[in-house]
Amino acid sequence: MKTIRMRAEVLAGLTTSFALVPECIAFALVAHLNPLMGLYGAFIICTLTALFGGRPGMVSGAAGSMAVVIVALVVQQGVQYLLATVLLGGLIMILFGLLRLG
């Protein structure tokens, strides 16, 4: 990759990551979770997106709509079901992709 292009990519990544920090903390608080969980989640999704690549038009970051949906699960069932729910949702998305449903 050209040096100029690499510098622009690094600057864009840093700008996005700095903007993502308060957003992830806020979404974690909306979902009645520890703010560190929001930061860990943001780090993991950004790392996975950097490693495996994304798609044009795909947003790989925090989503306020997910925080609103997750809050009902956390309040009713507890935080212990959160990881299983997210993993199951990911598996369903992979299955839909393999079946070319989306």
Protein backbone atom coordinates (compact mmCIF):
# COMPACT_ATOMS: atom_id res chain seq x y z
CA MET A 1 0.00 0.00 0.00
CA LYS A 2 1.30 3.45 -0.80
CA THR A 3 2.68 5.49 2.09
CA ILE A 4 0.22 8.33 1.53
CA ARG A 5 -2.72 5.93 1.40
CA MET A 6 -1.51 4.11 4.54
CA ARG A 7 -1.24 7.39 6.43
CA ALA A 8 -4.80 8.32 5.41
CA GLU A 9 -6.10 4.90 6.47
CA VAL A 10 -4.41 5.11 9.89
CA LEU A 11 -5.74 8.63 10.43
CA ALA A 12 -9.25 7.52 9.46
CA GLY A 13 -9.02 4.56 11.83
CA LEU A 14 -7.86 6.71 14.74
CA THR A 15 -10.58 9.29 14.11
CA THR A 16 -13.24 6.59 14.02
CA SER A 17 -11.96 4.91 17.17
CA PHE A 18 -11.95 8.17 19.12
CA ALA A 19 -15.51 8.88 18.01
CA LEU A 20 -16.56 5.33 18.93
CA VAL A 21 -15.48 5.51 22.60
CA PRO A 22 -18.23 7.78 24.01
CA GLU A 23 -20.81 6.13 21.77
CA CYS A 24 -20.01 2.64 23.08
CA ILE A 25 -20.04 3.81 26.68
CA ALA A 26 -23.43 5.48 26.18
CA PHE A 27 -24.94 2.42 24.49
CA ALA A 28 -23.67 0.16 27.28
CA LEU A 29 -25.32 2.41 29.86
CA VAL A 30 -28.58 2.40 27.87
CA ALA A 31 -28.50 -1.42 27.91
CA HIS A 32 -27.88 -1.44 31.69
CA LEU A 33 -24.38 -2.86 31.21
CA ASN A 34 -20.97 -1.94 32.57
CA PRO A 35 -19.38 0.72 30.33
CA LEU A 36 -16.30 -1.49 30.01
CA MET A 37 -18.44 -4.08 28.24
CA GLY A 38 -19.22 -1.48 25.58
CA LEU A 39 -15.53 -0.67 25.16
CA TYR A 40 -14.56 -4.34 24.96
CA GLY A 41 -17.27 -4.96 22.40
CA ALA A 42 -16.12 -2.02 20.29
CA PHE A 43 -12.53 -3.23 20.42
CA ILE A 44 -13.50 -6.75 19.40
CA ILE A 45 -15.73 -5.72 16.49
CA CYS A 46 -13.16 -3.24 15.16
CA THR A 47 -10.37 -5.83 15.42
CA LEU A 48 -12.44 -8.47 13.63
CA THR A 49 -13.42 -6.02 10.91
CA ALA A 50 -9.79 -5.00 10.43
CA LEU A 51 -8.67 -8.64 10.21
CA PHE A 52 -11.42 -10.02 7.99
CA GLY A 53 -12.41 -6.87 6.11
CA GLY A 54 -15.77 -5.31 5.65
CA ARG A 55 -18.08 -4.50 2.80
CA PRO A 56 -18.94 -1.16 1.23
CA GLY A 57 -21.95 0.26 3.02
CA MET A 58 -21.54 -2.03 6.04
CA VAL A 59 -21.35 -0.30 9.40
CA SER A 60 -19.04 -2.12 11.79
CA GLY A 61 -19.51 -0.40 15.08
CA ALA A 62 -21.92 0.31 17.88
CA ALA A 63 -25.61 0.57 17.08
CA GLY A 64 -28.10 2.29 19.33
CA SER A 65 -30.89 0.07 18.08
CA MET A 66 -29.09 -2.99 19.45
CA ALA A 67 -28.76 -1.35 22.86
CA VAL A 68 -32.51 -0.79 22.96
CA VAL A 69 -33.22 -4.43 22.05
CA ILE A 70 -30.60 -5.85 24.43
CA VAL A 71 -31.88 -3.87 27.43
CA ALA A 72 -35.03 -6.02 27.61
CA LEU A 73 -32.94 -9.20 27.68
CA VAL A 74 -30.58 -7.87 30.35
CA VAL A 75 -33.40 -6.61 32.57
CA GLN A 76 -35.56 -9.75 32.29
CA GLN A 77 -32.96 -12.53 32.10
CA GLY A 78 -29.72 -11.00 33.36
CA VAL A 79 -26.37 -10.27 31.78
CA GLN A 80 -25.35 -13.95 31.84
CA TYR A 81 -27.51 -14.62 28.74
CA LEU A 82 -26.02 -11.76 26.70
CA LEU A 83 -23.04 -13.65 25.24
CA ALA A 84 -25.14 -16.65 24.24
CA THR A 85 -27.71 -14.37 22.59
CA VAL A 86 -25.11 -12.48 20.59
CA LEU A 87 -23.37 -15.69 19.48
CA LEU A 88 -26.68 -17.27 18.46
CA GLY A 89 -27.57 -14.16 16.46
CA GLY A 90 -24.19 -14.31 14.73
CA LEU A 91 -24.65 -17.98 13.87
CA ILE A 92 -28.08 -17.26 12.41
CA MET A 93 -26.58 -14.47 10.28
CA ILE A 94 -23.84 -16.82 9.04
CA LEU A 95 -26.46 -19.45 8.21
CA PHE A 96 -28.51 -16.89 6.28
CA GLY A 97 -25.37 -15.91 4.37
CA LEU A 98 -24.54 -19.51 3.50
CA LEU A 99 -28.09 -20.08 2.30
CA ARG A 100 -27.91 -16.81 0.32
CA LEU A 101 -30.98 -15.40 2.03
CA GLY A 102 -29.70 -11.87 2.33
